[in-house]
Amino acid sequence: MTAEQDTAMIARQLAELTRTVEQMGIQLKSLRESSASQQERADIQHERIDLAARELAEVSARLQAAAAALRESV
């Protein structure tokens, strides 16, 4: 192989490597955005679960108070 052919081969390999790295960068950006979006959804879902748990605790307390009042009236 001549020096010119070696140079051409290395240039092709470098171009392919550059394309691969650019594609990986695009994929990484997409994964980061997806991850952030999923984390945001998880945070919102967690907040909703916390709110539902608080509401359930309040309803439970009201039911217990009503049951106690009913027992006293009987």
Protein backbone atom coordinates (compact mmCIF):
# COMPACT_ATOMS: atom_id res chain seq x y z
CA MET A 1 0.00 0.00 0.00
CA THR A 2 1.30 3.44 -0.85
CA ALA A 3 1.39 6.34 1.53
CA GLU A 4 -1.38 7.96 -0.50
CA GLN A 5 -3.58 4.89 -0.12
CA ASP A 6 -2.83 4.73 3.60
CA THR A 7 -3.79 8.38 3.96
CA ALA A 8 -7.01 7.83 2.02
CA MET A 9 -7.91 4.80 4.13
CA ILE A 10 -7.22 6.68 7.37
CA ALA A 11 -9.29 9.63 6.12
CA ARG A 12 -12.23 7.30 5.39
CA GLN A 13 -11.92 5.68 8.79
CA LEU A 14 -11.74 9.07 10.47
CA ALA A 15 -14.83 10.26 8.56
CA GLU A 16 -16.74 7.13 9.60
CA LEU A 17 -15.62 7.55 13.19
CA THR A 18 -16.74 11.19 13.10
CA ARG A 19 -20.19 10.17 11.81
CA THR A 20 -20.46 7.50 14.49
CA VAL A 21 -19.54 9.94 17.24
CA GLU A 22 -22.07 12.49 15.91
CA GLN A 23 -24.79 9.81 15.87
CA MET A 24 -23.89 8.78 19.39
CA GLY A 25 -24.12 12.42 20.47
CA ILE A 26 -27.60 12.68 18.98
CA GLN A 27 -28.66 9.45 20.70
CA LEU A 28 -27.24 10.64 24.01
CA LYS A 29 -29.11 13.94 23.74
CA SER A 30 -32.32 12.04 23.00
CA LEU A 31 -31.77 9.74 25.97
CA ARG A 32 -31.13 12.70 28.27
CA GLU A 33 -34.31 14.42 27.12
CA SER A 34 -36.30 11.22 27.49
CA SER A 35 -34.86 10.62 30.94
CA ALA A 36 -35.70 14.16 32.05
CA SER A 37 -39.23 13.76 30.73
CA GLN A 38 -39.65 10.43 32.50
CA GLN A 39 -38.30 11.89 35.73
CA GLU A 40 -40.74 14.80 35.46
CA ARG A 41 -43.65 12.37 34.95
CA ALA A 42 -42.46 10.28 37.90
CA ASP A 43 -42.25 13.40 40.09
CA ILE A 44 -45.79 14.42 39.12
CA GLN A 45 -47.07 10.91 39.75
CA HIS A 46 -45.34 10.86 43.14
CA GLU A 47 -46.99 14.19 44.06
CA ARG A 48 -50.39 12.79 43.06
CA ILE A 49 -49.82 9.67 45.15
CA ASP A 50 -48.83 11.80 48.15
CA LEU A 51 -51.96 13.94 47.73
CA ALA A 52 -54.17 10.86 47.42
CA ALA A 53 -52.58 9.37 50.55
CA ARG A 54 -53.24 12.58 52.51
CA GLU A 55 -56.84 12.68 51.27
CA LEU A 56 -57.31 9.02 52.19
CA ALA A 57 -55.95 9.68 55.68
CA GLU A 58 -58.39 12.59 56.08
CA VAL A 59 -61.33 10.46 54.92
CA SER A 60 -60.25 7.66 57.26
CA ALA A 61 -60.12 10.08 60.19
CA ARG A 62 -63.61 11.39 59.35
CA LEU A 63 -64.98 7.85 59.08
CA GLN A 64 -63.46 6.91 62.42
CA ALA A 65 -64.97 10.02 64.00
CA ALA A 66 -68.35 9.21 62.49
CA ALA A 67 -68.11 5.60 63.71
CA ALA A 68 -67.21 6.77 67.20
CA ALA A 69 -70.13 9.23 67.20
CA LEU A 70 -72.47 6.48 66.01
CA ARG A 71 -71.30 4.13 68.79
CA GLU A 72 -71.89 6.84 71.38
CA SER A 73 -75.40 7.49 70.13
CA VAL A 74 -76.38 3.82 70.35
